[in-house]
Amino acid sequence: MKYHHISIKTADIFQAIAFYEALGFEVMERFTAGITLACWMHGAGTNLELMQVPEPKHIADPFGDEHYVGYYHLSFHVENLETFLQDLVNKLGKLKLLLPPREQIIGDRTYQVAFIADPDGLPIELMQ
């Protein structure tokens, strides 16, 4: 078995594409899936499928609800966390920061981590 892709449903595919392009993803293919717009993107060593939801509903708050069970977040390694966050603000104009940069000790390693949200509120962890 081999990993293939992540699929994210979004309320606004054009806003989501702009966000994930700012993270370094590139649109590889645009298509329709039934009655909805969709695309394949590639970046960060993975594939991402975005699908626009015709009548979006609010999602659970995976970051803020300590009782949430399910997929929690995407995580990406970055070389310099502060620079990466500033570049995102410069590209997007604004950025929803769920957790400001802080140290996280895992085993014998110390990481700098921050959590941001995509346009639909999905948490994304950035790790240095």
N, C-alpha and C. Protein backbone atom coordinates (compact mmCIF):
# COMPACT_ATOMS: atom_id res chain seq x y z
N MET A 1 0.84 -1.17 0.00
CA MET A 1 0.00 0.00 0.00
C MET A 1 0.89 1.24 0.00
N LYS A 2 0.42 2.29 -0.66
CA LYS A 2 1.18 3.53 -0.76
C LYS A 2 0.21 4.71 -0.63
N TYR A 3 0.61 5.72 0.08
CA TYR A 3 -0.19 6.93 0.27
C TYR A 3 -0.47 7.61 -1.07
N HIS A 4 -1.69 8.11 -1.27
CA HIS A 4 -2.03 8.75 -2.54
C HIS A 4 -2.41 10.23 -2.40
N HIS A 5 -3.43 10.58 -1.60
CA HIS A 5 -3.81 11.99 -1.50
C HIS A 5 -4.66 12.29 -0.27
N ILE A 6 -4.82 13.57 -0.04
CA ILE A 6 -5.71 14.13 0.97
C ILE A 6 -6.85 14.77 0.20
N SER A 7 -8.08 14.64 0.67
CA SER A 7 -9.22 15.29 0.02
C SER A 7 -9.89 16.21 1.02
N ILE A 8 -10.13 17.45 0.60
CA ILE A 8 -10.75 18.45 1.47
C ILE A 8 -11.96 19.03 0.75
N LYS A 9 -13.09 19.02 1.43
CA LYS A 9 -14.28 19.69 0.91
C LYS A 9 -14.24 21.15 1.38
N THR A 10 -14.57 22.05 0.48
CA THR A 10 -14.47 23.47 0.77
C THR A 10 -15.73 24.22 0.36
N ALA A 11 -16.01 25.31 1.03
CA ALA A 11 -17.16 26.15 0.69
C ALA A 11 -16.87 27.00 -0.54
N ASP A 12 -15.61 27.35 -0.76
CA ASP A 12 -15.22 28.23 -1.88
C ASP A 12 -13.91 27.72 -2.45
N ILE A 13 -13.99 27.00 -3.55
CA ILE A 13 -12.79 26.37 -4.11
C ILE A 13 -11.75 27.39 -4.55
N PHE A 14 -12.19 28.55 -5.01
CA PHE A 14 -11.23 29.54 -5.48
C PHE A 14 -10.44 30.14 -4.31
N GLN A 15 -11.11 30.37 -3.20
CA GLN A 15 -10.44 30.85 -1.99
C GLN A 15 -9.50 29.76 -1.45
N ALA A 16 -9.94 28.52 -1.47
CA ALA A 16 -9.11 27.41 -1.00
C ALA A 16 -7.88 27.23 -1.88
N ILE A 17 -8.05 27.32 -3.19
CA ILE A 17 -6.92 27.20 -4.11
C ILE A 17 -5.88 28.28 -3.80
N ALA A 18 -6.33 29.52 -3.63
CA ALA A 18 -5.39 30.61 -3.33
C ALA A 18 -4.63 30.34 -2.03
N PHE A 19 -5.33 29.83 -1.02
CA PHE A 19 -4.69 29.53 0.26
C PHE A 19 -3.63 28.44 0.09
N TYR A 20 -3.99 27.33 -0.54
CA TYR A 20 -3.04 26.22 -0.67
C TYR A 20 -1.91 26.56 -1.65
N GLU A 21 -2.16 27.44 -2.62
CA GLU A 21 -1.06 27.92 -3.46
C GLU A 21 -0.08 28.72 -2.62
N ALA A 22 -0.59 29.51 -1.66
CA ALA A 22 0.30 30.27 -0.78
C ALA A 22 1.15 29.33 0.08
N LEU A 23 0.63 28.13 0.37
CA LEU A 23 1.41 27.14 1.11
C LEU A 23 2.43 26.43 0.22
N GLY A 24 2.35 26.64 -1.09
CA GLY A 24 3.31 26.04 -2.01
C GLY A 24 2.74 24.96 -2.91
N PHE A 25 1.42 24.73 -2.86
CA PHE A 25 0.80 23.74 -3.74
C PHE A 25 0.54 24.36 -5.11
N GLU A 26 0.48 23.51 -6.13
CA GLU A 26 0.22 23.94 -7.50
C GLU A 26 -0.95 23.13 -8.06
N VAL A 27 -1.88 23.83 -8.74
CA VAL A 27 -3.00 23.14 -9.37
C VAL A 27 -2.47 22.31 -10.54
N MET A 28 -2.79 21.03 -10.52
CA MET A 28 -2.36 20.12 -11.58
C MET A 28 -3.49 19.82 -12.55
N GLU A 29 -4.72 19.80 -12.05
CA GLU A 29 -5.87 19.44 -12.88
C GLU A 29 -7.13 20.02 -12.26
N ARG A 30 -7.97 20.62 -13.09
CA ARG A 30 -9.29 21.08 -12.66
C ARG A 30 -10.33 20.18 -13.30
N PHE A 31 -11.38 19.84 -12.56
CA PHE A 31 -12.41 18.95 -13.09
C PHE A 31 -13.71 19.14 -12.32
N THR A 32 -14.74 18.48 -12.75
CA THR A 32 -15.99 18.48 -12.00
C THR A 32 -16.20 17.09 -11.42
N ALA A 33 -16.82 17.05 -10.26
CA ALA A 33 -17.16 15.80 -9.59
C ALA A 33 -18.66 15.85 -9.35
N GLY A 34 -19.41 15.26 -10.25
CA GLY A 34 -20.87 15.40 -10.18
C GLY A 34 -21.24 16.83 -10.51
N ILE A 35 -21.89 17.51 -9.56
CA ILE A 35 -22.30 18.90 -9.81
C ILE A 35 -21.34 19.92 -9.22
N THR A 36 -20.20 19.47 -8.73
CA THR A 36 -19.32 20.40 -8.03
C THR A 36 -17.97 20.57 -8.72
N LEU A 37 -17.34 21.71 -8.46
CA LEU A 37 -16.00 21.99 -8.97
C LEU A 37 -14.98 21.27 -8.10
N ALA A 38 -13.90 20.84 -8.72
CA ALA A 38 -12.85 20.13 -7.98
C ALA A 38 -11.52 20.37 -8.67
N CYS A 39 -10.44 20.05 -7.96
CA CYS A 39 -9.10 20.14 -8.56
C CYS A 39 -8.15 19.23 -7.81
N TRP A 40 -7.08 18.86 -8.52
CA TRP A 40 -5.95 18.17 -7.92
C TRP A 40 -4.85 19.20 -7.78
N MET A 41 -4.20 19.19 -6.62
CA MET A 41 -3.05 20.05 -6.38
C MET A 41 -1.90 19.17 -5.93
N HIS A 42 -0.68 19.64 -6.15
CA HIS A 42 0.50 18.91 -5.69
C HIS A 42 1.43 19.88 -4.99
N GLY A 43 2.00 19.43 -3.89
CA GLY A 43 2.97 20.23 -3.15
C GLY A 43 3.32 19.54 -1.86
N ALA A 44 4.41 19.97 -1.24
CA ALA A 44 4.85 19.43 0.05
C ALA A 44 4.97 17.91 0.01
N GLY A 45 5.31 17.36 -1.16
CA GLY A 45 5.49 15.93 -1.28
C GLY A 45 4.21 15.12 -1.25
N THR A 46 3.07 15.76 -1.48
CA THR A 46 1.79 15.05 -1.44
C THR A 46 0.83 15.60 -2.48
N ASN A 47 -0.28 14.91 -2.63
CA ASN A 47 -1.36 15.36 -3.52
C ASN A 47 -2.54 15.78 -2.67
N LEU A 48 -3.24 16.79 -3.14
CA LEU A 48 -4.38 17.35 -2.44
C LEU A 48 -5.53 17.47 -3.43
N GLU A 49 -6.70 16.98 -3.04
CA GLU A 49 -7.90 17.14 -3.84
C GLU A 49 -8.81 18.12 -3.12
N LEU A 50 -9.23 19.16 -3.82
CA LEU A 50 -10.21 20.11 -3.27
C LEU A 50 -11.53 19.89 -4.00
N MET A 51 -12.61 19.87 -3.23
CA MET A 51 -13.95 19.72 -3.80
C MET A 51 -14.87 20.77 -3.19
N GLN A 52 -15.49 21.57 -4.04
CA GLN A 52 -16.41 22.60 -3.54
C GLN A 52 -17.75 21.97 -3.18
N VAL A 53 -18.27 22.31 -2.02
CA VAL A 53 -19.56 21.81 -1.55
C VAL A 53 -20.63 22.82 -1.97
N PRO A 54 -21.65 22.37 -2.74
CA PRO A 54 -22.67 23.31 -3.21
C PRO A 54 -23.44 24.02 -2.10
N GLU A 55 -23.77 23.31 -1.02
CA GLU A 55 -24.50 23.91 0.10
C GLU A 55 -23.75 23.57 1.39
N PRO A 56 -22.68 24.33 1.69
CA PRO A 56 -21.84 23.98 2.84
C PRO A 56 -22.57 24.13 4.17
N LYS A 57 -22.19 23.26 5.10
CA LYS A 57 -22.67 23.33 6.48
C LYS A 57 -21.45 23.55 7.37
N HIS A 58 -21.67 24.15 8.52
CA HIS A 58 -20.56 24.37 9.45
C HIS A 58 -20.01 23.03 9.94
N ILE A 59 -18.70 22.98 10.11
CA ILE A 59 -18.05 21.76 10.58
C ILE A 59 -17.83 21.86 12.10
N ALA A 60 -17.54 20.71 12.69
CA ALA A 60 -17.13 20.70 14.09
C ALA A 60 -15.82 21.47 14.21
N ASP A 61 -15.49 21.90 15.40
CA ASP A 61 -14.25 22.64 15.63
C ASP A 61 -13.17 21.67 16.12
N PRO A 62 -12.42 21.05 15.20
CA PRO A 62 -11.44 20.05 15.62
C PRO A 62 -10.33 20.62 16.49
N PHE A 63 -10.04 21.91 16.37
CA PHE A 63 -8.95 22.50 17.15
C PHE A 63 -9.43 22.93 18.53
N GLY A 64 -10.62 23.52 18.59
CA GLY A 64 -11.11 24.10 19.84
C GLY A 64 -11.92 23.17 20.72
N ASP A 65 -12.45 22.09 20.16
CA ASP A 65 -13.29 21.17 20.93
C ASP A 65 -12.46 20.00 21.42
N GLU A 66 -12.18 19.96 22.73
CA GLU A 66 -11.32 18.90 23.27
C GLU A 66 -11.95 17.52 23.21
N HIS A 67 -13.25 17.44 22.89
CA HIS A 67 -13.93 16.15 22.79
C HIS A 67 -14.10 15.69 21.34
N TYR A 68 -13.62 16.49 20.39
CA TYR A 68 -13.71 16.14 18.97
C TYR A 68 -12.96 14.84 18.69
N VAL A 69 -13.57 13.98 17.91
CA VAL A 69 -12.93 12.74 17.48
C VAL A 69 -12.99 12.71 15.95
N GLY A 70 -11.86 12.44 15.31
CA GLY A 70 -11.82 12.37 13.85
C GLY A 70 -10.52 12.95 13.34
N TYR A 71 -10.46 13.15 12.04
CA TYR A 71 -9.26 13.76 11.46
C TYR A 71 -9.03 15.10 12.13
N TYR A 72 -7.79 15.35 12.51
CA TYR A 72 -7.50 16.52 13.33
C TYR A 72 -6.83 17.65 12.55
N HIS A 73 -5.71 17.37 11.89
CA HIS A 73 -5.03 18.44 11.17
C HIS A 73 -4.03 17.87 10.16
N LEU A 74 -3.65 18.73 9.23
CA LEU A 74 -2.52 18.47 8.35
C LEU A 74 -1.29 19.06 9.04
N SER A 75 -0.12 18.51 8.76
CA SER A 75 1.10 19.04 9.35
C SER A 75 2.18 19.12 8.28
N PHE A 76 2.85 20.26 8.23
CA PHE A 76 3.90 20.48 7.25
C PHE A 76 5.17 20.97 7.94
N HIS A 77 6.31 20.45 7.49
CA HIS A 77 7.61 20.91 7.97
C HIS A 77 7.98 22.17 7.19
N VAL A 78 8.46 23.17 7.90
CA VAL A 78 8.97 24.40 7.27
C VAL A 78 10.38 24.65 7.80
N GLU A 79 11.19 25.31 7.01
CA GLU A 79 12.57 25.59 7.41
C GLU A 79 12.66 26.66 8.49
N ASN A 80 11.87 27.73 8.34
CA ASN A 80 11.87 28.83 9.31
C ASN A 80 10.42 29.23 9.55
N LEU A 81 9.91 28.91 10.73
CA LEU A 81 8.50 29.12 11.03
C LEU A 81 8.09 30.59 10.96
N GLU A 82 8.83 31.46 11.59
CA GLU A 82 8.48 32.89 11.61
C GLU A 82 8.46 33.47 10.19
N THR A 83 9.47 33.14 9.40
CA THR A 83 9.54 33.63 8.02
C THR A 83 8.39 33.08 7.19
N PHE A 84 8.08 31.79 7.37
CA PHE A 84 6.99 31.17 6.62
C PHE A 84 5.66 31.83 6.95
N LEU A 85 5.41 32.07 8.24
CA LEU A 85 4.16 32.73 8.65
C LEU A 85 4.07 34.14 8.06
N GLN A 86 5.17 34.89 8.09
CA GLN A 86 5.17 36.24 7.54
C GLN A 86 4.94 36.21 6.03
N ASP A 87 5.53 35.24 5.33
CA ASP A 87 5.32 35.10 3.89
C ASP A 87 3.84 34.82 3.60
N LEU A 88 3.20 33.98 4.42
CA LEU A 88 1.77 33.70 4.23
C LEU A 88 0.94 34.96 4.41
N VAL A 89 1.24 35.74 5.43
CA VAL A 89 0.51 37.00 5.64
C VAL A 89 0.70 37.92 4.44
N ASN A 90 1.93 37.99 3.93
CA ASN A 90 2.21 38.84 2.77
C ASN A 90 1.44 38.37 1.54
N LYS A 91 1.31 37.06 1.35
CA LYS A 91 0.62 36.51 0.18
C LYS A 91 -0.89 36.58 0.31
N LEU A 92 -1.41 36.33 1.51
CA LEU A 92 -2.85 36.22 1.72
C LEU A 92 -3.49 37.49 2.26
N GLY A 93 -2.69 38.38 2.83
CA GLY A 93 -3.25 39.59 3.41
C GLY A 93 -3.69 39.41 4.85
N LYS A 94 -4.15 38.22 5.19
CA LYS A 94 -4.53 37.90 6.57
C LYS A 94 -4.34 36.41 6.77
N LEU A 95 -4.26 36.03 8.02
CA LEU A 95 -4.02 34.63 8.36
C LEU A 95 -4.69 34.35 9.69
N LYS A 96 -5.47 33.27 9.75
CA LYS A 96 -6.10 32.89 11.01
C LYS A 96 -5.12 32.02 11.79
N LEU A 97 -4.59 32.58 12.86
CA LEU A 97 -3.62 31.89 13.70
C LEU A 97 -4.37 31.23 14.86
N LEU A 98 -4.37 29.91 14.90
CA LEU A 98 -5.05 29.18 15.98
C LEU A 98 -4.16 29.04 17.20
N LEU A 99 -2.86 28.89 16.98
CA LEU A 99 -1.89 28.76 18.07
C LEU A 99 -0.61 29.45 17.63
N PRO A 100 -0.21 30.50 18.34
CA PRO A 100 1.02 31.19 17.95
C PRO A 100 2.24 30.28 18.12
N PRO A 101 3.34 30.60 17.47
CA PRO A 101 4.53 29.77 17.55
C PRO A 101 4.94 29.51 19.00
N ARG A 102 5.28 28.25 19.27
CA ARG A 102 5.75 27.85 20.60
C ARG A 102 6.60 26.60 20.46
N GLU A 103 7.32 26.29 21.53
CA GLU A 103 8.13 25.07 21.55
C GLU A 103 7.26 23.86 21.86
N GLN A 104 7.56 22.76 21.20
CA GLN A 104 6.88 21.48 21.47
C GLN A 104 7.97 20.42 21.55
N ILE A 105 8.07 19.77 22.69
CA ILE A 105 9.05 18.70 22.87
C ILE A 105 8.38 17.37 22.59
N ILE A 106 8.94 16.62 21.64
CA ILE A 106 8.45 15.30 21.30
C ILE A 106 9.66 14.36 21.34
N GLY A 107 9.65 13.46 22.32
CA GLY A 107 10.80 12.59 22.50
C GLY A 107 12.02 13.41 22.87
N ASP A 108 13.11 13.24 22.13
CA ASP A 108 14.33 13.98 22.42
C ASP A 108 14.52 15.20 21.52
N ARG A 109 13.47 15.58 20.82
CA ARG A 109 13.56 16.71 19.89
C ARG A 109 12.67 17.86 20.34
N THR A 110 13.11 19.06 20.07
CA THR A 110 12.33 20.26 20.35
C THR A 110 11.98 20.93 19.03
N TYR A 111 10.71 21.14 18.80
CA TYR A 111 10.21 21.76 17.57
C TYR A 111 9.63 23.12 17.90
N GLN A 112 9.61 23.99 16.91
CA GLN A 112 8.82 25.20 16.96
C GLN A 112 7.55 24.88 16.17
N VAL A 113 6.38 25.07 16.74
CA VAL A 113 5.13 24.75 16.06
C VAL A 113 4.17 25.92 16.15
N ALA A 114 3.30 26.01 15.15
CA ALA A 114 2.20 26.96 15.14
C ALA A 114 1.05 26.28 14.41
N PHE A 115 -0.16 26.68 14.73
CA PHE A 115 -1.34 26.19 14.02
C PHE A 115 -2.04 27.37 13.36
N ILE A 116 -2.37 27.17 12.09
CA ILE A 116 -3.16 28.14 11.34
C ILE A 116 -4.43 27.43 10.87
N ALA A 117 -5.36 28.17 10.30
CA ALA A 117 -6.57 27.58 9.75
C ALA A 117 -6.68 27.90 8.28
N ASP A 118 -7.18 26.94 7.51
CA ASP A 118 -7.43 27.21 6.09
C ASP A 118 -8.74 28.02 6.00
N PRO A 119 -9.17 28.42 4.81
CA PRO A 119 -10.37 29.26 4.69
C PRO A 119 -11.64 28.65 5.29
N ASP A 120 -11.69 27.32 5.41
CA ASP A 120 -12.87 26.66 5.98
C ASP A 120 -12.68 26.33 7.46
N GLY A 121 -11.57 26.76 8.04
CA GLY A 121 -11.33 26.54 9.47
C GLY A 121 -10.60 25.27 9.81
N LEU A 122 -10.14 24.51 8.80
CA LEU A 122 -9.42 23.27 9.08
C LEU A 122 -8.03 23.59 9.63
N PRO A 123 -7.65 22.96 10.75
CA PRO A 123 -6.34 23.26 11.35
C PRO A 123 -5.18 22.72 10.51
N ILE A 124 -4.12 23.51 10.45
CA ILE A 124 -2.89 23.10 9.78
C ILE A 124 -1.73 23.43 10.72
N GLU A 125 -0.94 22.42 11.01
CA GLU A 125 0.22 22.59 11.88
C GLU A 125 1.44 22.86 11.01
N LEU A 126 2.22 23.84 11.42
CA LEU A 126 3.50 24.13 10.77
C LEU A 126 4.58 23.85 11.80
N MET A 127 5.55 23.04 11.40
CA MET A 127 6.61 22.62 12.33
C MET A 127 7.99 22.96 11.78
N GLN A 128 8.81 23.53 12.64
CA GLN A 128 10.21 23.78 12.30
C GLN A 128 11.06 22.90 13.18
